Amino acid sequence: MPIWFAYTLIVLLVITSILLTMLILLHRGKGGGLSSMFGGGVSSSLAGSSVAEKNLDRYTVLVGIVWFACIVGLGLWLRLQTASGTV
């Protein structure tokens, strides 16, 4: 495989890593952890989750899947390059 494939995956990996970190930090704390230590425990508990929270969950899962695919793709690319002796 060409080297541009690896560079594309690396750029995509960096972008999805930053985006995944931001999306995870946007989630509301469920209580008890570090989020409650910094004031997240004072929020009122609502019976159901809003549409925005459900969409945030979907986006987080989607970005996580893309991130995981980049990791697997880079691993396979590296294995192919090592097997052919070009690395």
C-alpha atoms as a PDB file:
ATOM      1  CA  MET A   1       0.000   0.000   0.000  1.00  0.00           C
ATOM      2  CA  PRO A   2       1.226   3.530  -0.684  1.00  0.00           C
ATOM      3  CA  ILE A   3       2.587   5.782   2.033  1.00  0.00           C
ATOM      4  CA  TRP A   4      -0.192   8.359   1.537  1.00  0.00           C
ATOM      5  CA  PHE A   5      -2.612   5.777   2.934  1.00  0.00           C
ATOM      6  CA  ALA A   6      -0.732   5.737   6.231  1.00  0.00           C
ATOM      7  CA  TYR A   7      -0.526   9.530   6.359  1.00  0.00           C
ATOM      8  CA  THR A   8      -4.258   9.802   5.718  1.00  0.00           C
ATOM      9  CA  LEU A   9      -4.987   7.354   8.519  1.00  0.00           C
ATOM     10  CA  ILE A  10      -2.657   9.203  10.897  1.00  0.00           C
ATOM     11  CA  VAL A  11      -4.324  12.556  10.188  1.00  0.00           C
ATOM     12  CA  LEU A  12      -7.757  10.960  10.596  1.00  0.00           C
ATOM     13  CA  LEU A  13      -6.596   9.327  13.833  1.00  0.00           C
ATOM     14  CA  VAL A  14      -5.416  12.641  15.293  1.00  0.00           C
ATOM     15  CA  ILE A  15      -8.648  14.410  14.315  1.00  0.00           C
ATOM     16  CA  THR A  16     -10.862  11.658  15.721  1.00  0.00           C
ATOM     17  CA  SER A  17      -8.785  11.476  18.921  1.00  0.00           C
ATOM     18  CA  ILE A  18      -9.297  15.176  19.594  1.00  0.00           C
ATOM     19  CA  LEU A  19     -12.971  14.978  18.650  1.00  0.00           C
ATOM     20  CA  LEU A  20     -13.531  11.892  20.796  1.00  0.00           C
ATOM     21  CA  THR A  21     -11.932  13.587  23.793  1.00  0.00           C
ATOM     22  CA  MET A  22     -14.155  16.649  23.343  1.00  0.00           C
ATOM     23  CA  LEU A  23     -17.301  14.549  22.932  1.00  0.00           C
ATOM     24  CA  ILE A  24     -16.548  12.487  26.045  1.00  0.00           C
ATOM     25  CA  LEU A  25     -15.956  15.627  28.078  1.00  0.00           C
ATOM     26  CA  LEU A  26     -19.332  17.007  26.943  1.00  0.00           C
ATOM     27  CA  HIS A  27     -21.205  14.079  28.502  1.00  0.00           C
ATOM     28  CA  ARG A  28     -23.080  14.677  31.708  1.00  0.00           C
ATOM     29  CA  GLY A  29     -21.610  12.931  34.712  1.00  0.00           C
ATOM     30  CA  LYS A  30     -23.632  10.085  36.171  1.00  0.00           C
ATOM     31  CA  GLY A  31     -22.392  10.935  39.670  1.00  0.00           C
ATOM     32  CA  GLY A  32     -19.762   9.616  42.000  1.00  0.00           C
ATOM     33  CA  GLY A  33     -16.634  10.153  39.951  1.00  0.00           C
ATOM     34  CA  LEU A  34     -14.395  13.066  39.149  1.00  0.00           C
ATOM     35  CA  SER A  35     -17.301  14.948  37.613  1.00  0.00           C
ATOM     36  CA  SER A  36     -19.025  15.268  40.985  1.00  0.00           C
ATOM     37  CA  MET A  37     -15.779  16.434  42.575  1.00  0.00           C
ATOM     38  CA  PHE A  38     -15.740  19.499  40.314  1.00  0.00           C
ATOM     39  CA  GLY A  39     -19.381  20.472  40.780  1.00  0.00           C
ATOM     40  CA  GLY A  40     -21.123  17.987  38.516  1.00  0.00           C
ATOM     41  CA  GLY A  41     -22.963  16.411  41.431  1.00  0.00           C
ATOM     42  CA  VAL A  42     -25.167  19.449  42.067  1.00  0.00           C
ATOM     43  CA  SER A  43     -27.123  19.078  38.846  1.00  0.00           C
ATOM     44  CA  SER A  44     -30.757  18.097  39.082  1.00  0.00           C
ATOM     45  CA  SER A  45     -31.644  14.621  37.935  1.00  0.00           C
ATOM     46  CA  LEU A  46     -34.260  14.438  35.201  1.00  0.00           C
ATOM     47  CA  ALA A  47     -36.387  11.376  34.508  1.00  0.00           C
ATOM     48  CA  GLY A  48     -35.325  10.922  30.881  1.00  0.00           C
ATOM     49  CA  SER A  49     -32.491  11.947  28.666  1.00  0.00           C
ATOM     50  CA  SER A  50     -32.973  14.676  26.111  1.00  0.00           C
ATOM     51  CA  VAL A  51     -32.606  14.415  22.368  1.00  0.00           C
ATOM     52  CA  ALA A  52     -29.317  16.314  22.559  1.00  0.00           C
ATOM     53  CA  GLU A  53     -27.852  13.722  24.936  1.00  0.00           C
ATOM     54  CA  LYS A  54     -28.986  10.852  22.707  1.00  0.00           C
ATOM     55  CA  ASN A  55     -27.411  12.534  19.677  1.00  0.00           C
ATOM     56  CA  LEU A  56     -24.228  13.153  21.673  1.00  0.00           C
ATOM     57  CA  ASP A  57     -24.131   9.442  22.502  1.00  0.00           C
ATOM     58  CA  ARG A  58     -24.585   8.530  18.842  1.00  0.00           C
ATOM     59  CA  TYR A  59     -21.851  10.908  17.706  1.00  0.00           C
ATOM     60  CA  THR A  60     -19.494   9.599  20.373  1.00  0.00           C
ATOM     61  CA  VAL A  61     -20.062   5.995  19.296  1.00  0.00           C
ATOM     62  CA  LEU A  62     -19.646   6.904  15.614  1.00  0.00           C
ATOM     63  CA  VAL A  63     -16.381   8.774  16.198  1.00  0.00           C
ATOM     64  CA  GLY A  64     -15.192   5.906  18.405  1.00  0.00           C
ATOM     65  CA  ILE A  65     -15.829   3.405  15.616  1.00  0.00           C
ATOM     66  CA  VAL A  66     -13.919   5.579  13.114  1.00  0.00           C
ATOM     67  CA  TRP A  67     -11.073   5.934  15.647  1.00  0.00           C
ATOM     68  CA  PHE A  68     -10.938   2.154  16.145  1.00  0.00           C
ATOM     69  CA  ALA A  69     -10.984   1.560  12.376  1.00  0.00           C
ATOM     70  CA  CYS A  70      -8.000   3.921  11.996  1.00  0.00           C
ATOM     71  CA  ILE A  71      -6.067   1.984  14.641  1.00  0.00           C
ATOM     72  CA  VAL A  72      -6.815  -1.340  12.942  1.00  0.00           C
ATOM     73  CA  GLY A  73      -6.017   0.096   9.491  1.00  0.00           C
ATOM     74  CA  LEU A  74      -2.648   1.429  10.669  1.00  0.00           C
ATOM     75  CA  GLY A  75      -1.843  -1.901  12.278  1.00  0.00           C
ATOM     76  CA  LEU A  76      -2.660  -3.811   9.106  1.00  0.00           C
ATOM     77  CA  TRP A  77      -0.704  -1.329   6.978  1.00  0.00           C
ATOM     78  CA  LEU A  78       2.317  -1.685   9.237  1.00  0.00           C
ATOM     79  CA  ARG A  79       2.094  -5.480   9.140  1.00  0.00           C
ATOM     80  CA  LEU A  80       1.929  -5.457   5.320  1.00  0.00           C
ATOM     81  CA  GLN A  81       4.880  -3.065   5.092  1.00  0.00           C
ATOM     82  CA  THR A  82       6.932  -5.120   7.551  1.00  0.00           C
ATOM     83  CA  ALA A  83       6.148  -8.339   5.679  1.00  0.00           C
ATOM     84  CA  SER A  84       7.250  -6.820   2.381  1.00  0.00           C
ATOM     85  CA  GLY A  85      10.377  -5.377   3.949  1.00  0.00           C
ATOM     86  CA  THR A  86       9.806  -1.768   2.964  1.00  0.00           C
ATOM     87  CA  VAL A  87       9.729  -0.303   6.484  1.00  0.00           C
END
